């Protein structure tokens, strides 16, 4: 689950139907995959992911069932660095390092 093109789809209320796919940046730190919601808590996919805790991710041509776990603490420093390294040339990088997006950092694990 380390390709550059990720689409995240938290499950709908029925717990089995994936929602509308949302393109998202991802980074890997210590073998774990992390994502952040560009719009912070206003992000629809993030609210759904936190409510349901699971969904699907399309990455590298694969559809994977995943779980979503919110993260906080020191790991965010390493996640910031991974975003900075991977997306250094993007004008969208600064918002992905903001307190707004750090507050909605999610680890994505295969189920």
PDB file of N, CA and C in Angstrom:
ATOM      1  N   UNK A   1       0.837  -1.193   0.000  1.00  0.00           N
ATOM      2  CA  UNK A   1       0.000   0.000   0.000  1.00  0.00           C
ATOM      3  C   UNK A   1       0.877   1.249   0.000  1.00  0.00           C
ATOM      4  N   UNK A   2       1.906   1.262  -0.813  1.00  0.00           N
ATOM      5  CA  UNK A   2       2.822   2.384  -0.786  1.00  0.00           C
ATOM      6  C   UNK A   2       2.886   3.158  -2.093  1.00  0.00           C
ATOM      7  N   UNK A   3       2.017   2.875  -3.061  1.00  0.00           N
ATOM      8  CA  UNK A   3       2.019   3.630  -4.304  1.00  0.00           C
ATOM      9  C   UNK A   3       1.609   5.076  -4.071  1.00  0.00           C
ATOM     10  N   UNK A   4       1.879   5.942  -5.045  1.00  0.00           N
ATOM     11  CA  UNK A   4       1.574   7.360  -4.892  1.00  0.00           C
ATOM     12  C   UNK A   4       0.101   7.681  -5.066  1.00  0.00           C
ATOM     13  N   UNK A   5      -0.636   6.869  -5.794  1.00  0.00           N
ATOM     14  CA  UNK A   5      -2.048   7.127  -6.030  1.00  0.00           C
ATOM     15  C   UNK A   5      -2.889   6.342  -5.042  1.00  0.00           C
ATOM     16  N   UNK A   6      -3.423   7.020  -4.065  1.00  0.00           N
ATOM     17  CA  UNK A   6      -4.309   6.396  -3.085  1.00  0.00           C
ATOM     18  C   UNK A   6      -5.686   7.028  -3.189  1.00  0.00           C
ATOM     19  N   UNK A   7      -6.679   6.194  -3.153  1.00  0.00           N
ATOM     20  CA  UNK A   7      -8.059   6.649  -3.042  1.00  0.00           C
ATOM     21  C   UNK A   7      -8.632   5.974  -1.810  1.00  0.00           C
ATOM     22  N   UNK A   8      -9.192   6.755  -0.930  1.00  0.00           N
ATOM     23  CA  UNK A   8      -9.684   6.273   0.344  1.00  0.00           C
ATOM     24  C   UNK A   8     -11.211   6.318   0.328  1.00  0.00           C
ATOM     25  N   UNK A   9     -11.830   5.238   0.816  1.00  0.00           N
ATOM     26  CA  UNK A   9     -13.287   5.129   0.813  1.00  0.00           C
ATOM     27  C   UNK A   9     -13.759   4.515   2.126  1.00  0.00           C
ATOM     28  N   UNK A  10     -13.987   5.316   3.155  1.00  0.00           N
ATOM     29  CA  UNK A  10     -14.564   4.753   4.378  1.00  0.00           C
ATOM     30  C   UNK A  10     -15.914   4.120   4.055  1.00  0.00           C
ATOM     31  N   UNK A  11     -16.260   3.078   4.829  1.00  0.00           N
ATOM     32  CA  UNK A  11     -17.543   2.424   4.600  1.00  0.00           C
ATOM     33  C   UNK A  11     -18.704   3.360   4.912  1.00  0.00           C
ATOM     34  N   UNK A  12     -19.797   3.103   4.237  1.00  0.00           N
ATOM     35  CA  UNK A  12     -21.049   3.823   4.518  1.00  0.00           C
ATOM     36  C   UNK A  12     -21.657   3.256   5.806  1.00  0.00           C
ATOM     37  N   UNK A  13     -22.809   3.759   6.184  1.00  0.00           N
ATOM     38  CA  UNK A  13     -23.434   3.353   7.445  1.00  0.00           C
ATOM     39  C   UNK A  13     -23.710   1.853   7.551  1.00  0.00           C
ATOM     40  N   UNK A  14     -23.855   1.168   6.398  1.00  0.00           N
ATOM     41  CA  UNK A  14     -24.121  -0.274   6.467  1.00  0.00           C
ATOM     42  C   UNK A  14     -22.882  -1.075   6.863  1.00  0.00           C
ATOM     43  N   UNK A  15     -21.714  -0.427   6.877  1.00  0.00           N
ATOM     44  CA  UNK A  15     -20.480  -1.087   7.303  1.00  0.00           C
ATOM     45  C   UNK A  15     -19.828  -1.981   6.280  1.00  0.00           C
ATOM     46  N   UNK A  16     -20.393  -2.054   5.065  1.00  0.00           N
ATOM     47  CA  UNK A  16     -19.805  -2.905   4.032  1.00  0.00           C
ATOM     48  C   UNK A  16     -19.651  -2.218   2.679  1.00  0.00           C
ATOM     49  N   UNK A  17     -20.438  -1.185   2.425  1.00  0.00           N
ATOM     50  CA  UNK A  17     -20.395  -0.493   1.137  1.00  0.00           C
ATOM     51  C   UNK A  17     -19.398   0.655   1.208  1.00  0.00           C
ATOM     52  N   UNK A  18     -18.354   0.630   0.355  1.00  0.00           N
ATOM     53  CA  UNK A  18     -17.394   1.729   0.365  1.00  0.00           C
ATOM     54  C   UNK A  18     -18.048   3.027  -0.109  1.00  0.00           C
ATOM     55  N   UNK A  19     -17.668   4.128   0.515  1.00  0.00           N
ATOM     56  CA  UNK A  19     -18.143   5.436   0.102  1.00  0.00           C
ATOM     57  C   UNK A  19     -17.440   5.906  -1.153  1.00  0.00           C
ATOM     58  N   UNK A  20     -17.692   7.134  -1.535  1.00  0.00           N
ATOM     59  CA  UNK A  20     -17.084   7.729  -2.720  1.00  0.00           C
ATOM     60  C   UNK A  20     -15.573   7.832  -2.525  1.00  0.00           C
ATOM     61  N   UNK A  21     -14.784   7.321  -3.468  1.00  0.00           N
ATOM     62  CA  UNK A  21     -13.332   7.397  -3.322  1.00  0.00           C
ATOM     63  C   UNK A  21     -12.835   8.844  -3.338  1.00  0.00           C
ATOM     64  N   UNK A  22     -11.905   9.137  -2.452  1.00  0.00           N
ATOM     65  CA  UNK A  22     -11.268  10.450  -2.360  1.00  0.00           C
ATOM     66  C   UNK A  22      -9.777  10.270  -2.568  1.00  0.00           C
ATOM     67  N   UNK A  23      -9.196  11.015  -3.512  1.00  0.00           N
ATOM     68  CA  UNK A  23      -7.753  10.958  -3.741  1.00  0.00           C
ATOM     69  C   UNK A  23      -7.063  11.559  -2.534  1.00  0.00           C
ATOM     70  N   UNK A  24      -5.964  10.921  -2.110  1.00  0.00           N
ATOM     71  CA  UNK A  24      -5.302  11.363  -0.894  1.00  0.00           C
ATOM     72  C   UNK A  24      -3.802  11.074  -0.963  1.00  0.00           C
ATOM     73  N   UNK A  25      -3.038  11.931  -0.304  1.00  0.00           N
ATOM     74  CA  UNK A  25      -1.602  11.690  -0.142  1.00  0.00           C
ATOM     75  C   UNK A  25      -1.396  10.695   0.985  1.00  0.00           C
ATOM     76  N   UNK A  26      -0.329   9.923   0.878  1.00  0.00           N
ATOM     77  CA  UNK A  26       0.023   9.000   1.948  1.00  0.00           C
ATOM     78  C   UNK A  26       1.532   8.992   2.122  1.00  0.00           C
ATOM     79  N   UNK A  27       1.952   8.626   3.317  1.00  0.00           N
ATOM     80  CA  UNK A  27       3.376   8.452   3.604  1.00  0.00           C
ATOM     81  C   UNK A  27       3.553   7.185   4.427  1.00  0.00           C
ATOM     82  N   UNK A  28       4.769   6.663   4.410  1.00  0.00           N
ATOM     83  CA  UNK A  28       5.105   5.481   5.195  1.00  0.00           C
ATOM     84  C   UNK A  28       6.160   5.873   6.213  1.00  0.00           C
ATOM     85  N   UNK A  29       5.915   5.539   7.469  1.00  0.00           N
ATOM     86  CA  UNK A  29       6.866   5.776   8.557  1.00  0.00           C
ATOM     87  C   UNK A  29       6.978   4.475   9.344  1.00  0.00           C
ATOM     88  N   UNK A  30       8.195   3.967   9.445  1.00  0.00           N
ATOM     89  CA  UNK A  30       8.435   2.706  10.174  1.00  0.00           C
ATOM     90  C   UNK A  30       7.532   1.570   9.686  1.00  0.00           C
ATOM     91  N   UNK A  31       7.271   1.544   8.387  1.00  0.00           N
ATOM     92  CA  UNK A  31       6.472   0.477   7.800  1.00  0.00           C
ATOM     93  C   UNK A  31       4.970   0.662   7.887  1.00  0.00           C
ATOM     94  N   UNK A  32       4.516   1.719   8.548  1.00  0.00           N
ATOM     95  CA  UNK A  32       3.087   1.994   8.661  1.00  0.00           C
ATOM     96  C   UNK A  32       2.687   3.101   7.696  1.00  0.00           C
ATOM     97  N   UNK A  33       1.465   3.011   7.165  1.00  0.00           N
ATOM     98  CA  UNK A  33       0.948   4.001   6.225  1.00  0.00           C
ATOM     99  C   UNK A  33       0.105   5.017   6.986  1.00  0.00           C
ATOM    100  N   UNK A  34       0.359   6.302   6.697  1.00  0.00           N
ATOM    101  CA  UNK A  34      -0.379   7.393   7.339  1.00  0.00           C
ATOM    102  C   UNK A  34      -0.965   8.312   6.282  1.00  0.00           C
ATOM    103  N   UNK A  35      -2.127   8.863   6.590  1.00  0.00           N
ATOM    104  CA  UNK A  35      -2.784   9.845   5.736  1.00  0.00           C
ATOM    105  C   UNK A  35      -3.280  10.989   6.613  1.00  0.00           C
ATOM    106  N   UNK A  36      -3.494  12.125   5.974  1.00  0.00           N
ATOM    107  CA  UNK A  36      -4.061  13.292   6.646  1.00  0.00           C
ATOM    108  C   UNK A  36      -5.148  13.881   5.767  1.00  0.00           C
ATOM    109  N   UNK A  37      -6.127  14.472   6.410  1.00  0.00           N
ATOM    110  CA  UNK A  37      -7.230  15.116   5.703  1.00  0.00           C
ATOM    111  C   UNK A  37      -6.872  16.583   5.455  1.00  0.00           C
ATOM    112  N   UNK A  38      -6.754  16.959   4.201  1.00  0.00           N
ATOM    113  CA  UNK A  38      -6.361  18.320   3.828  1.00  0.00           C
ATOM    114  C   UNK A  38      -7.266  19.363   4.480  1.00  0.00           C
ATOM    115  N   UNK A  39      -8.550  19.079   4.593  1.00  0.00           N
ATOM    116  CA  UNK A  39      -9.504  20.036   5.153  1.00  0.00           C
ATOM    117  C   UNK A  39      -9.754  19.812   6.645  1.00  0.00           C
ATOM    118  N   UNK A  40      -8.862  19.059   7.291  1.00  0.00           N
ATOM    119  CA  UNK A  40      -8.987  18.843   8.727  1.00  0.00           C
ATOM    120  C   UNK A  40     -10.286  18.151   9.083  1.00  0.00           C
ATOM    121  N   UNK A  41     -10.874  18.539  10.206  1.00  0.00           N
ATOM    122  CA  UNK A  41     -12.096  17.891  10.680  1.00  0.00           C
ATOM    123  C   UNK A  41     -13.299  18.166   9.779  1.00  0.00           C
ATOM    124  N   UNK A  42     -13.186  19.120   8.861  1.00  0.00           N
ATOM    125  CA  UNK A  42     -14.264  19.396   7.916  1.00  0.00           C
ATOM    126  C   UNK A  42     -14.302  18.374   6.772  1.00  0.00           C
ATOM    127  N   UNK A  43     -13.294  17.534   6.694  1.00  0.00           N
ATOM    128  CA  UNK A  43     -13.216  16.548   5.621  1.00  0.00           C
ATOM    129  C   UNK A  43     -14.250  15.444   5.821  1.00  0.00           C
ATOM    130  N   UNK A  44     -15.064  15.236   4.825  1.00  0.00           N
ATOM    131  CA  UNK A  44     -16.120  14.224   4.895  1.00  0.00           C
ATOM    132  C   UNK A  44     -15.543  12.819   5.034  1.00  0.00           C
ATOM    133  N   UNK A  45     -14.470  12.510   4.261  1.00  0.00           N
ATOM    134  CA  UNK A  45     -13.911  11.163   4.352  1.00  0.00           C
ATOM    135  C   UNK A  45     -13.359  10.910   5.759  1.00  0.00           C
ATOM    136  N   UNK A  46     -12.749  11.926   6.367  1.00  0.00           N
ATOM    137  CA  UNK A  46     -12.172  11.737   7.700  1.00  0.00           C
ATOM    138  C   UNK A  46     -13.271  11.494   8.739  1.00  0.00           C
ATOM    139  N   UNK A  47     -14.325  12.261   8.682  1.00  0.00           N
ATOM    140  CA  UNK A  47     -15.435  12.059   9.628  1.00  0.00           C
ATOM    141  C   UNK A  47     -15.995  10.640   9.498  1.00  0.00           C
ATOM    142  N   UNK A  48     -16.171  10.185   8.250  1.00  0.00           N
ATOM    143  CA  UNK A  48     -16.695   8.836   8.023  1.00  0.00           C
ATOM    144  C   UNK A  48     -15.700   7.773   8.510  1.00  0.00           C
ATOM    145  N   UNK A  49     -14.429   7.979   8.259  1.00  0.00           N
ATOM    146  CA  UNK A  49     -13.403   7.019   8.693  1.00  0.00           C
ATOM    147  C   UNK A  49     -13.374   6.894  10.206  1.00  0.00           C
ATOM    148  N   UNK A  50     -13.500   8.006  10.903  1.00  0.00           N
ATOM    149  CA  UNK A  50     -13.465   7.969  12.365  1.00  0.00           C
ATOM    150  C   UNK A  50     -14.755   7.371  12.932  1.00  0.00           C
ATOM    151  N   UNK A  51     -15.866   7.592  12.257  1.00  0.00           N
ATOM    152  CA  UNK A  51     -17.141   7.045  12.724  1.00  0.00           C
ATOM    153  C   UNK A  51     -17.188   5.532  12.552  1.00  0.00           C
ATOM    154  N   UNK A  52     -16.703   5.047  11.412  1.00  0.00           N
ATOM    155  CA  UNK A  52     -16.836   3.630  11.083  1.00  0.00           C
ATOM    156  C   UNK A  52     -15.575   2.821  11.353  1.00  0.00           C
ATOM    157  N   UNK A  53     -14.413   3.472  11.342  1.00  0.00           N
ATOM    158  CA  UNK A  53     -13.163   2.790  11.662  1.00  0.00           C
ATOM    159  C   UNK A  53     -12.632   1.866  10.593  1.00  0.00           C
ATOM    160  N   UNK A  54     -13.300   1.791   9.452  1.00  0.00           N
ATOM    161  CA  UNK A  54     -12.870   0.870   8.404  1.00  0.00           C
ATOM    162  C   UNK A  54     -13.361   1.350   7.047  1.00  0.00           C
ATOM    163  N   UNK A  55     -12.778   0.756   6.013  1.00  0.00           N
ATOM    164  CA  UNK A  55     -13.168   1.096   4.652  1.00  0.00           C
ATOM    165  C   UNK A  55     -12.282   0.384   3.657  1.00  0.00           C
ATOM    166  N   UNK A  56     -12.116   1.025   2.512  1.00  0.00           N
ATOM    167  CA  UNK A  56     -11.274   0.464   1.450  1.00  0.00           C
ATOM    168  C   UNK A  56     -10.316   1.537   0.972  1.00  0.00           C
ATOM    169  N   UNK A  57      -9.171   1.067   0.494  1.00  0.00           N
ATOM    170  CA  UNK A  57      -8.185   1.936  -0.119  1.00  0.00           C
ATOM    171  C   UNK A  57      -7.793   1.309  -1.438  1.00  0.00           C
ATOM    172  N   UNK A  58      -7.728   2.139  -2.472  1.00  0.00           N
ATOM    173  CA  UNK A  58      -7.192   1.693  -3.752  1.00  0.00           C
ATOM    174  C   UNK A  58      -5.791   2.274  -3.855  1.00  0.00           C
ATOM    175  N   UNK A  59      -4.824   1.370  -3.996  1.00  0.00           N
ATOM    176  CA  UNK A  59      -3.421   1.789  -4.078  1.00  0.00           C
ATOM    177  C   UNK A  59      -2.668   0.818  -4.971  1.00  0.00           C
ATOM    178  N   UNK A  60      -1.885   1.362  -5.875  1.00  0.00           N
ATOM    179  CA  UNK A  60      -1.083   0.511  -6.751  1.00  0.00           C
ATOM    180  C   UNK A  60      -1.906  -0.506  -7.515  1.00  0.00           C
ATOM    181  N   UNK A  61      -3.150  -0.143  -7.877  1.00  0.00           N
ATOM    182  CA  UNK A  61      -4.005  -1.040  -8.625  1.00  0.00           C
ATOM    183  C   UNK A  61      -4.718  -2.081  -7.778  1.00  0.00           C
ATOM    184  N   UNK A  62      -4.527  -2.044  -6.470  1.00  0.00           N
ATOM    185  CA  UNK A  62      -5.171  -2.991  -5.569  1.00  0.00           C
ATOM    186  C   UNK A  62      -6.266  -2.316  -4.761  1.00  0.00           C
ATOM    187  N   UNK A  63      -7.332  -3.047  -4.497  1.00  0.00           N
ATOM    188  CA  UNK A  63      -8.368  -2.603  -3.565  1.00  0.00           C
ATOM    189  C   UNK A  63      -8.169  -3.380  -2.275  1.00  0.00           C
ATOM    190  N   UNK A  64      -7.974  -2.667  -1.184  1.00  0.00           N
ATOM    191  CA  UNK A  64      -7.679  -3.307   0.092  1.00  0.00           C
ATOM    192  C   UNK A  64      -8.685  -2.898   1.159  1.00  0.00           C
ATOM    193  N   UNK A  65      -9.137  -3.873   1.943  1.00  0.00           N
ATOM    194  CA  UNK A  65      -9.941  -3.576   3.123  1.00  0.00           C
ATOM    195  C   UNK A  65      -8.979  -3.092   4.200  1.00  0.00           C
ATOM    196  N   UNK A  66      -9.323  -1.979   4.838  1.00  0.00           N
ATOM    197  CA  UNK A  66      -8.421  -1.376   5.820  1.00  0.00           C
ATOM    198  C   UNK A  66      -9.179  -0.923   7.063  1.00  0.00           C
ATOM    199  N   UNK A  67      -8.407  -0.684   8.106  1.00  0.00           N
ATOM    200  CA  UNK A  67      -8.939  -0.037   9.296  1.00  0.00           C
ATOM    201  C   UNK A  67      -8.254   1.314   9.430  1.00  0.00           C
ATOM    202  N   UNK A  68      -8.919   2.234  10.108  1.00  0.00           N
ATOM    203  CA  UNK A  68      -8.414   3.589  10.309  1.00  0.00           C
ATOM    204  C   UNK A  68      -8.255   3.829  11.805  1.00  0.00           C
ATOM    205  N   UNK A  69      -7.059   4.273  12.197  1.00  0.00           N
ATOM    206  CA  UNK A  69      -6.782   4.548  13.600  1.00  0.00           C
ATOM    207  C   UNK A  69      -6.220   5.951  13.730  1.00  0.00           C
ATOM    208  N   UNK A  70      -6.860   6.820  14.519  1.00  0.00           N
ATOM    209  CA  UNK A  70      -6.300   8.168  14.712  1.00  0.00           C
ATOM    210  C   UNK A  70      -4.984   8.072  15.478  1.00  0.00           C
ATOM    211  N   UNK A  71      -4.054   8.970  15.138  1.00  0.00           N
ATOM    212  CA  UNK A  71      -2.766   8.985  15.837  1.00  0.00           C
ATOM    213  C   UNK A  71      -2.474  10.396  16.327  1.00  0.00           C
ATOM    214  N   UNK A  72      -1.673  10.465  17.370  1.00  0.00           N
ATOM    215  CA  UNK A  72      -1.222  11.749  17.888  1.00  0.00           C
ATOM    216  C   UNK A  72       0.118  11.528  18.569  1.00  0.00           C
ATOM    217  N   UNK A  73       0.738  12.606  18.964  1.00  0.00           N
ATOM    218  CA  UNK A  73       1.992  12.506  19.688  1.00  0.00           C
ATOM    219  C   UNK A  73       3.217  12.636  18.801  1.00  0.00           C
ATOM    220  N   UNK A  74       4.327  12.124  19.308  1.00  0.00           N
ATOM    221  CA  UNK A  74       5.632  12.291  18.663  1.00  0.00           C
ATOM    222  C   UNK A  74       5.700  11.748  17.248  1.00  0.00           C
ATOM    223  N   UNK A  75       4.937  10.717  16.944  1.00  0.00           N
ATOM    224  CA  UNK A  75       4.964  10.153  15.594  1.00  0.00           C
ATOM    225  C   UNK A  75       4.658  11.218  14.548  1.00  0.00           C
ATOM    226  N   UNK A  76       3.915  12.254  14.912  1.00  0.00           N
ATOM    227  CA  UNK A  76       3.592  13.305  13.946  1.00  0.00           C
ATOM    228  C   UNK A  76       4.833  14.027  13.443  1.00  0.00           C
ATOM    229  N   UNK A  77       5.878  14.114  14.243  1.00  0.00           N
ATOM    230  CA  UNK A  77       7.127  14.733  13.780  1.00  0.00           C
ATOM    231  C   UNK A  77       7.710  13.921  12.619  1.00  0.00           C
ATOM    232  N   UNK A  78       7.710  12.606  12.754  1.00  0.00           N
ATOM    233  CA  UNK A  78       8.237  11.743  11.692  1.00  0.00           C
ATOM    234  C   UNK A  78       7.321  11.742  10.470  1.00  0.00           C
ATOM    235  N   UNK A  79       6.022  11.842  10.715  1.00  0.00           N
ATOM    236  CA  UNK A  79       5.077  11.919   9.599  1.00  0.00           C
ATOM    237  C   UNK A  79       5.268  13.231   8.852  1.00  0.00           C
ATOM    238  N   UNK A  80       5.449  14.339   9.583  1.00  0.00           N
ATOM    239  CA  UNK A  80       5.748  15.629   8.938  1.00  0.00           C
ATOM    240  C   UNK A  80       6.973  15.505   8.033  1.00  0.00           C
ATOM    241  N   UNK A  81       8.020  14.876   8.557  1.00  0.00           N
ATOM    242  CA  UNK A  81       9.258  14.740   7.775  1.00  0.00           C
ATOM    243  C   UNK A  81       9.018  13.894   6.534  1.00  0.00           C
ATOM    244  N   UNK A  82       8.242  12.830   6.666  1.00  0.00           N
ATOM    245  CA  UNK A  82       7.948  11.978   5.509  1.00  0.00           C
ATOM    246  C   UNK A  82       7.168  12.747   4.446  1.00  0.00           C
ATOM    247  N   UNK A  83       6.182  13.542   4.873  1.00  0.00           N
ATOM    248  CA  UNK A  83       5.453  14.390   3.926  1.00  0.00           C
ATOM    249  C   UNK A  83       6.402  15.380   3.268  1.00  0.00           C
ATOM    250  N   UNK A  84       7.262  16.006   4.049  1.00  0.00           N
ATOM    251  CA  UNK A  84       8.211  16.993   3.515  1.00  0.00           C
ATOM    252  C   UNK A  84       9.149  16.362   2.495  1.00  0.00           C
ATOM    253  N   UNK A  85       9.624  15.165   2.784  1.00  0.00           N
ATOM    254  CA  UNK A  85      10.529  14.478   1.857  1.00  0.00           C
ATOM    255  C   UNK A  85       9.814  14.071   0.574  1.00  0.00           C
ATOM    256  N   UNK A  86       8.634  13.507   0.710  1.00  0.00           N
ATOM    257  CA  UNK A  86       7.924  12.958  -0.444  1.00  0.00           C
ATOM    258  C   UNK A  86       7.293  14.026  -1.331  1.00  0.00           C
ATOM    259  N   UNK A  87       6.791  15.104  -0.719  1.00  0.00           N
ATOM    260  CA  UNK A  87       6.019  16.100  -1.469  1.00  0.00           C
ATOM    261  C   UNK A  87       6.688  17.481  -1.450  1.00  0.00           C
ATOM    262  N   UNK A  88       8.011  17.507  -1.364  1.00  0.00           N
ATOM    263  CA  UNK A  88       8.774  18.754  -1.208  1.00  0.00           C
ATOM    264  C   UNK A  88       8.447  19.803  -2.273  1.00  0.00           C
ATOM    265  N   UNK A  89       8.168  19.387  -3.482  1.00  0.00           N
ATOM    266  CA  UNK A  89       7.954  20.335  -4.580  1.00  0.00           C
ATOM    267  C   UNK A  89       6.503  20.790  -4.736  1.00  0.00           C
ATOM    268  N   UNK A  90       5.625  20.334  -3.875  1.00  0.00           N
ATOM    269  CA  UNK A  90       4.208  20.660  -4.028  1.00  0.00           C
ATOM    270  C   UNK A  90       3.830  21.929  -3.270  1.00  0.00           C
ATOM    271  N   UNK A  91       3.032  22.790  -3.900  1.00  0.00           N
ATOM    272  CA  UNK A  91       2.538  23.969  -3.188  1.00  0.00           C
ATOM    273  C   UNK A  91       1.514  23.598  -2.108  1.00  0.00           C
ATOM    274  N   UNK A  92       1.043  22.351  -2.109  1.00  0.00           N
ATOM    275  CA  UNK A  92       0.071  21.901  -1.113  1.00  0.00           C
ATOM    276  C   UNK A  92       0.724  21.345   0.152  1.00  0.00           C
ATOM    277  N   UNK A  93       2.060  21.293   0.168  1.00  0.00           N
ATOM    278  CA  UNK A  93       2.747  20.738   1.329  1.00  0.00           C
ATOM    279  C   UNK A  93       2.522  21.533   2.616  1.00  0.00           C
ATOM    280  N   UNK A  94       2.678  22.858   2.640  1.00  0.00           N
ATOM    281  CA  UNK A  94       2.526  23.574   3.919  1.00  0.00           C
ATOM    282  C   UNK A  94       1.215  23.285   4.659  1.00  0.00           C
ATOM    283  N   UNK A  95       0.064  23.257   3.975  1.00  0.00           N
ATOM    284  CA  UNK A  95      -1.159  22.929   4.720  1.00  0.00           C
ATOM    285  C   UNK A  95      -1.146  21.507   5.304  1.00  0.00           C
ATOM    286  N   UNK A  96      -0.423  20.585   4.670  1.00  0.00           N
ATOM    287  CA  UNK A  96      -0.384  19.209   5.173  1.00  0.00           C
ATOM    288  C   UNK A  96       0.487  19.074   6.417  1.00  0.00           C
ATOM    289  N   UNK A  97       1.213  20.141   6.749  1.00  0.00           N
ATOM    290  CA  UNK A  97       2.056  20.143   7.945  1.00  0.00           C
ATOM    291  C   UNK A  97       1.473  21.025   9.038  1.00  0.00           C
ATOM    292  N   UNK A  98       0.275  21.531   8.821  1.00  0.00           N
ATOM    293  CA  UNK A  98      -0.349  22.462   9.768  1.00  0.00           C
ATOM    294  C   UNK A  98      -0.959  21.711  10.954  1.00  0.00           C
ATOM    295  N   UNK A  99      -1.272  22.444  12.000  1.00  0.00           N
ATOM    296  CA  UNK A  99      -1.946  21.846  13.160  1.00  0.00           C
ATOM    297  C   UNK A  99      -3.311  21.279  12.763  1.00  0.00           C
ATOM    298  N   UNK A 100      -3.977  21.930  11.803  1.00  0.00           N
ATOM    299  CA  UNK A 100      -5.294  21.466  11.336  1.00  0.00           C
ATOM    300  C   UNK A 100      -5.204  20.048  10.777  1.00  0.00           C
ATOM    301  N   UNK A 101      -4.193  19.779   9.972  1.00  0.00           N
ATOM    302  CA  UNK A 101      -4.086  18.449   9.375  1.00  0.00           C
ATOM    303  C   UNK A 101      -3.400  17.460  10.310  1.00  0.00           C
ATOM    304  N   UNK A 102      -2.452  17.934  11.108  1.00  0.00           N
ATOM    305  CA  UNK A 102      -1.816  17.026  12.076  1.00  0.00           C
ATOM    306  C   UNK A 102      -2.862  16.448  13.030  1.00  0.00           C
ATOM    307  N   UNK A 103      -3.874  17.229  13.359  1.00  0.00           N
ATOM    308  CA  UNK A 103      -4.908  16.794  14.295  1.00  0.00           C
ATOM    309  C   UNK A 103      -5.777  15.662  13.733  1.00  0.00           C
ATOM    310  N   UNK A 104      -5.710  15.439  12.435  1.00  0.00           N
ATOM    311  CA  UNK A 104      -6.533  14.400  11.813  1.00  0.00           C
ATOM    312  C   UNK A 104      -5.673  13.341  11.119  1.00  0.00           C
ATOM    313  N   UNK A 105      -4.497  13.098  11.656  1.00  0.00           N
ATOM    314  CA  UNK A 105      -3.614  12.078  11.111  1.00  0.00           C
ATOM    315  C   UNK A 105      -4.186  10.700  11.427  1.00  0.00           C
ATOM    316  N   UNK A 106      -4.162   9.829  10.429  1.00  0.00           N
ATOM    317  CA  UNK A 106      -4.753   8.504  10.546  1.00  0.00           C
ATOM    318  C   UNK A 106      -3.750   7.454  10.067  1.00  0.00           C
ATOM    319  N   UNK A 107      -3.617   6.373  10.856  1.00  0.00           N
ATOM    320  CA  UNK A 107      -2.850   5.207  10.387  1.00  0.00           C
ATOM    321  C   UNK A 107      -3.814   4.295   9.661  1.00  0.00           C
ATOM    322  N   UNK A 108      -3.381   3.768   8.516  1.00  0.00           N
ATOM    323  CA  UNK A 108      -4.199   2.891   7.694  1.00  0.00           C
ATOM    324  C   UNK A 108      -3.567   1.504   7.729  1.00  0.00           C
ATOM    325  N   UNK A 109      -4.314   0.532   8.219  1.00  0.00           N
ATOM    326  CA  UNK A 109      -3.811  -0.833   8.359  1.00  0.00           C
ATOM    327  C   UNK A 109      -4.661  -1.804   7.562  1.00  0.00           C
ATOM    328  N   UNK A 110      -4.037  -2.806   6.936  1.00  0.00           N
ATOM    329  CA  UNK A 110      -4.824  -3.846   6.257  1.00  0.00           C
ATOM    330  C   UNK A 110      -5.683  -4.595   7.265  1.00  0.00           C
ATOM    331  N   UNK A 111      -6.858  -5.037   6.804  1.00  0.00           N
ATOM    332  CA  UNK A 111      -7.740  -5.829   7.686  1.00  0.00           C
ATOM    333  C   UNK A 111      -7.740  -7.269   7.242  1.00  0.00           C
TER     334      UNK A 111
END
